[in-house]
Protein backbone atom coordinates (compact mmCIF):
# COMPACT_ATOMS: atom_id res chain seq x y z
CA MET A 1 -61.61 20.41 -7.57
CA GLU A 2 -63.81 22.60 -5.38
CA LEU A 3 -61.55 23.88 -2.57
CA ILE A 4 -62.85 26.46 -0.03
CA ASN A 5 -61.10 27.02 3.20
CA ASN A 6 -61.61 28.97 6.30
CA GLY A 7 -64.65 30.51 5.24
CA LEU A 8 -67.09 31.80 7.55
CA GLY A 9 -71.15 31.34 7.38
CA LYS A 10 -73.62 33.17 9.18
CA ASN A 11 -75.57 30.87 11.72
CA GLN A 12 -79.13 31.30 13.17
CA LYS A 13 -77.67 32.77 16.48
CA GLY A 14 -76.33 36.17 14.49
CA GLY A 15 -72.64 34.11 14.68
CA TYR A 16 -70.42 32.69 12.08
CA ASP A 17 -69.61 29.25 11.86
CA ARG A 18 -65.94 27.87 9.98
CA ILE A 19 -67.31 26.31 6.67
CA ASP A 20 -64.49 23.98 5.02
CA ARG A 21 -65.55 22.62 1.62
CA TRP A 22 -63.08 19.75 -0.08
CA ASP A 23 -63.43 17.81 -3.24
CA GLU A 24 -64.31 14.51 -1.37
CA GLU A 25 -63.01 12.21 -4.26
CA THR A 26 -59.56 13.57 -3.86
CA THR A 27 -59.78 13.67 0.04
CA ASN A 28 -60.39 10.34 0.34
CA ALA A 29 -57.59 9.07 -2.49
CA MET A 30 -55.09 11.07 -0.89
CA THR A 31 -56.07 9.94 2.75
CA GLU A 32 -55.74 6.10 2.28
CA HIS A 33 -52.28 7.09 0.17
CA TYR A 34 -51.26 8.90 3.70
CA ARG A 35 -52.46 6.41 6.26
CA GLU A 36 -50.21 3.67 3.85
CA ILE A 37 -47.17 6.02 4.63
CA LEU A 38 -47.54 5.85 8.27
CA LYS A 39 -47.45 2.23 8.00
CA LEU A 40 -44.14 2.40 6.15
CA LEU A 41 -42.70 4.86 8.65
CA GLY A 42 -43.84 2.63 11.30
CA GLU A 43 -46.28 4.35 12.94
CA ASN A 44 -49.77 3.13 14.63
CA GLY A 45 -51.83 5.10 12.59
CA GLU A 46 -55.10 3.51 14.65
CA ARG A 47 -53.56 5.30 18.00
CA GLU A 48 -55.70 8.55 19.12
CA GLY A 49 -52.99 11.19 18.07
CA LEU A 50 -52.60 9.59 14.19
CA LYS A 51 -56.04 8.32 13.50
CA GLU A 52 -57.53 11.66 11.90
CA THR A 53 -54.06 12.63 10.50
CA PRO A 54 -54.22 11.24 7.11
CA LYS A 55 -57.43 13.17 6.29
CA ARG A 56 -55.81 16.15 7.83
CA VAL A 57 -52.80 16.03 5.82
CA ALA A 58 -54.60 15.39 2.77
CA LYS A 59 -56.64 18.67 3.34
CA ALA A 60 -53.94 20.48 4.28
CA MET A 61 -52.07 19.49 1.04
CA GLN A 62 -55.03 20.58 -1.23
CA PHE A 63 -54.47 23.96 0.68
CA LEU A 64 -50.96 24.35 0.10
CA THR A 65 -51.14 23.87 -3.30
CA GLN A 66 -54.43 25.08 -4.31
CA GLY A 67 -52.54 27.84 -6.63
CA ASN A 68 -52.91 24.92 -9.11
CA GLY A 69 -56.66 25.85 -10.07
CA THR A 70 -56.08 29.68 -10.47
CA ASP A 71 -55.14 31.83 -13.12
CA PRO A 72 -53.27 34.81 -11.44
CA ALA A 73 -53.41 36.72 -14.61
CA ASP A 74 -57.43 36.90 -14.29
CA ILE A 75 -56.69 37.74 -10.93
CA LEU A 76 -54.81 41.12 -12.38
CA LYS A 77 -57.33 41.28 -15.14
CA SER A 78 -60.32 41.54 -12.86
CA ALA A 79 -59.13 45.10 -11.61
CA ILE A 80 -57.30 47.18 -14.24
CA PHE A 81 -57.66 50.82 -14.25
CA HIS A 82 -56.51 53.38 -17.35
CA GLU A 83 -54.52 56.31 -15.37
CA ASP A 84 -52.02 58.91 -16.82
CA TYR A 85 -49.43 57.19 -14.26
CA SER A 86 -45.91 56.23 -15.27
CA GLU A 87 -43.93 56.17 -11.89
CA MET A 88 -42.69 52.91 -9.75
CA VAL A 89 -45.61 51.30 -7.95
CA ILE A 90 -44.03 48.96 -5.24
CA VAL A 91 -45.74 46.65 -2.82
CA LYS A 92 -43.23 45.43 -0.41
CA ASP A 93 -43.04 42.51 2.13
CA ILE A 94 -45.89 40.27 0.78
CA GLU A 95 -46.02 37.23 2.80
CA LEU A 96 -45.09 34.35 0.82
CA PHE A 97 -45.50 30.64 1.76
CA SER A 98 -44.78 27.90 -0.85
CA MET A 99 -43.67 24.09 -1.16
CA CYS A 100 -40.59 23.03 -2.63
CA GLU A 101 -41.14 20.32 -5.18
CA HIS A 102 -37.76 18.58 -4.14
CA HIS A 103 -38.64 17.39 -0.47
CA LEU A 104 -42.37 18.75 -0.28
CA LEU A 105 -40.96 20.55 2.42
CA PRO A 106 -42.28 24.47 3.11
CA PHE A 107 -40.28 27.57 2.04
CA ILE A 108 -41.59 30.72 3.70
CA GLY A 109 -40.33 34.35 3.06
CA LYS A 110 -41.60 37.52 1.55
CA ALA A 111 -41.70 39.22 -2.00
CA HIS A 112 -41.38 43.01 -2.85
CA VAL A 113 -42.82 43.31 -6.42
CA ALA A 114 -42.83 46.60 -8.52
CA TYR A 115 -44.01 48.05 -11.61
CA ILE A 116 -43.91 51.06 -13.73
CA PRO A 117 -47.27 51.35 -15.56
CA ASP A 118 -48.01 52.45 -18.84
CA GLY A 119 -51.12 54.04 -18.66
CA ARG A 120 -52.61 50.67 -17.12
CA LEU A 121 -52.66 50.04 -13.26
CA THR A 122 -54.15 47.23 -11.18
CA GLY A 123 -55.72 47.27 -7.76
CA LEU A 124 -52.58 47.12 -5.11
CA SER A 125 -54.08 43.83 -3.14
CA LYS A 126 -54.06 41.97 -7.11
CA ILE A 127 -50.03 42.11 -6.64
CA ALA A 128 -50.05 40.16 -3.47
CA ARG A 129 -52.84 37.81 -4.96
CA VAL A 130 -50.66 36.87 -8.20
CA VAL A 131 -47.55 36.15 -5.62
CA GLU A 132 -50.57 34.16 -3.33
CA GLY A 133 -51.60 32.16 -6.82
CA PHE A 134 -47.86 31.10 -7.87
CA ALA A 135 -46.97 30.56 -4.45
CA ARG A 136 -49.43 28.32 -3.62
CA ARG A 137 -47.92 25.24 -5.95
CA LEU A 138 -45.10 22.73 -5.73
CA GLN A 139 -42.35 25.18 -6.66
CA VAL A 140 -38.88 26.32 -6.75
CA GLN A 141 -38.03 29.74 -6.03
CA GLU A 142 -36.20 30.88 -9.18
CA ARG A 143 -39.15 29.66 -11.04
CA LEU A 144 -41.87 31.26 -9.12
CA THR A 145 -39.73 34.90 -9.14
CA VAL A 146 -39.97 34.79 -12.81
CA GLN A 147 -43.79 33.52 -12.88
CA ILE A 148 -45.03 36.48 -11.09
CA ARG A 149 -42.59 38.73 -13.16
CA ASP A 150 -43.79 37.41 -16.70
CA CYS A 151 -47.48 37.37 -14.87
CA ILE A 152 -47.40 41.07 -14.35
CA GLN A 153 -45.44 42.11 -17.64
CA GLU A 154 -47.65 40.08 -20.04
CA THR A 155 -51.07 41.18 -18.35
CA LEU A 156 -50.31 45.22 -17.64
CA GLU A 157 -47.90 45.94 -20.24
CA PRO A 158 -46.04 47.99 -17.94
CA LEU A 159 -42.56 49.29 -18.73
CA GLY A 160 -40.98 47.49 -16.57
CA VAL A 161 -41.47 44.77 -13.75
CA ALA A 162 -39.18 43.95 -10.98
CA VAL A 163 -39.44 40.99 -8.59
CA VAL A 164 -37.31 39.89 -5.30
CA ILE A 165 -37.83 36.86 -3.11
CA GLU A 166 -36.41 36.03 0.10
CA ALA A 167 -37.00 33.19 1.68
CA LEU A 168 -36.03 30.23 4.23
CA HIS A 169 -35.93 27.09 3.13
CA LEU A 170 -36.83 24.32 5.46
CA CYS A 171 -35.41 21.82 3.39
CA MET A 172 -31.83 23.61 4.31
CA VAL A 173 -32.73 24.24 7.95
CA MET A 174 -34.55 20.78 9.14
CA ARG A 175 -32.51 18.37 6.97
CA GLY A 176 -29.41 18.25 4.35
CA VAL A 177 -26.83 21.21 5.23
CA GLN A 178 -28.81 22.44 8.34
CA LYS A 179 -27.89 25.97 8.04
CA GLN A 180 -30.38 27.50 10.32
CA HIS A 181 -30.00 30.75 9.24
CA SER A 182 -29.35 30.71 5.68
CA VAL A 183 -32.06 33.27 3.40
CA THR A 184 -32.10 32.65 -0.57
CA THR A 185 -32.72 35.95 -2.36
CA THR A 186 -33.72 35.65 -5.70
CA SER A 187 -34.57 38.53 -8.40
CA ALA A 188 -36.23 39.13 -11.86
CA PHE A 189 -36.28 42.18 -13.91
CA THR A 190 -38.17 43.33 -17.39
CA GLY A 191 -37.76 46.74 -19.27
CA ALA A 192 -36.90 49.77 -17.49
CA PHE A 193 -35.39 47.90 -14.45
CA MET A 194 -33.31 46.12 -16.66
CA LYS A 195 -32.09 48.76 -19.13
CA SER A 196 -31.66 51.37 -16.83
CA GLU A 197 -29.25 50.98 -13.48
CA LYS A 198 -30.65 54.23 -12.11
CA THR A 199 -33.96 52.56 -11.81
CA ARG A 200 -32.94 49.37 -10.78
CA GLU A 201 -30.92 51.01 -7.93
CA GLU A 202 -33.97 53.11 -7.01
CA PHE A 203 -35.99 49.85 -6.56
CA LEU A 204 -33.45 47.91 -4.60
CA ARG A 205 -32.91 51.36 -2.36
CA LEU A 206 -36.28 51.33 -1.45
CA ILE A 207 -36.88 47.83 -0.70
CA GLY A 208 -33.36 47.72 0.83
CA GLY A 209 -33.88 48.43 4.27
CA LYS A 210 -35.92 44.93 4.19
CA LEU A 211 -33.54 43.15 2.41
CA HIS A 212 -31.45 40.42 4.79
C-alpha cells in the first residue's frame, strides 16, 4: 500500500501544495464499508455533512495504521554509529497517538525511552520514529511498550533498555467507566535496568518530573 500524507510539493508559483497519495483500491473498498456503517447507524449518508465522510474516514484509518507498513528495526539500522559511550541516553516526552484494537478508539500519551549503549548509538530522532512505527497500528498499550523495548534491544544490542508509556484511553473516557482523568502507565526493562535497582531508579528519577 502506498501511503504518503501531508506531503508538500513545490508548485510553479514558488509556493508549496499539499500532496496526498493513497492506495486507491483500498480507499474505495473501505469507503463503501463506511457508507454502509452510516446507514446502519440510521444516518443519511447523502446529506451535506456526511457525503464525503466515508472517504475521509477511509483515508484517516489508513493514516492511523500506517505503522503496519514499516519495520522500526530498519529505522534504527539506518543510523547506527560506533562510539565509545556507555552512559544512559534518554529521550523523554515522545508524543504518542495510537488506536485501541478493542474499540477502535484512540489512546494518547507520551513515551520515555532510555538505553545504555555498548559501543553503538543511533540517531535520537530514530527512537521517536520507532515509537511512531509501533504506535501507528491497532494496539494495546502493554504490547506497544514491549515492542519498543524489544526492537531497541535486539537491534542495537545495548547494555539495557527502559521504556515507560503514559496514556489516556478514550475507550475509558468516552464509554465504559467514563473516568475522565485516568492515565495508564506501563513499563518494560532489559539488561542493566532489570539487574541494577540503582540504574532503574536513576532512569525513573530523571523522568519522574514528567510522570503523572
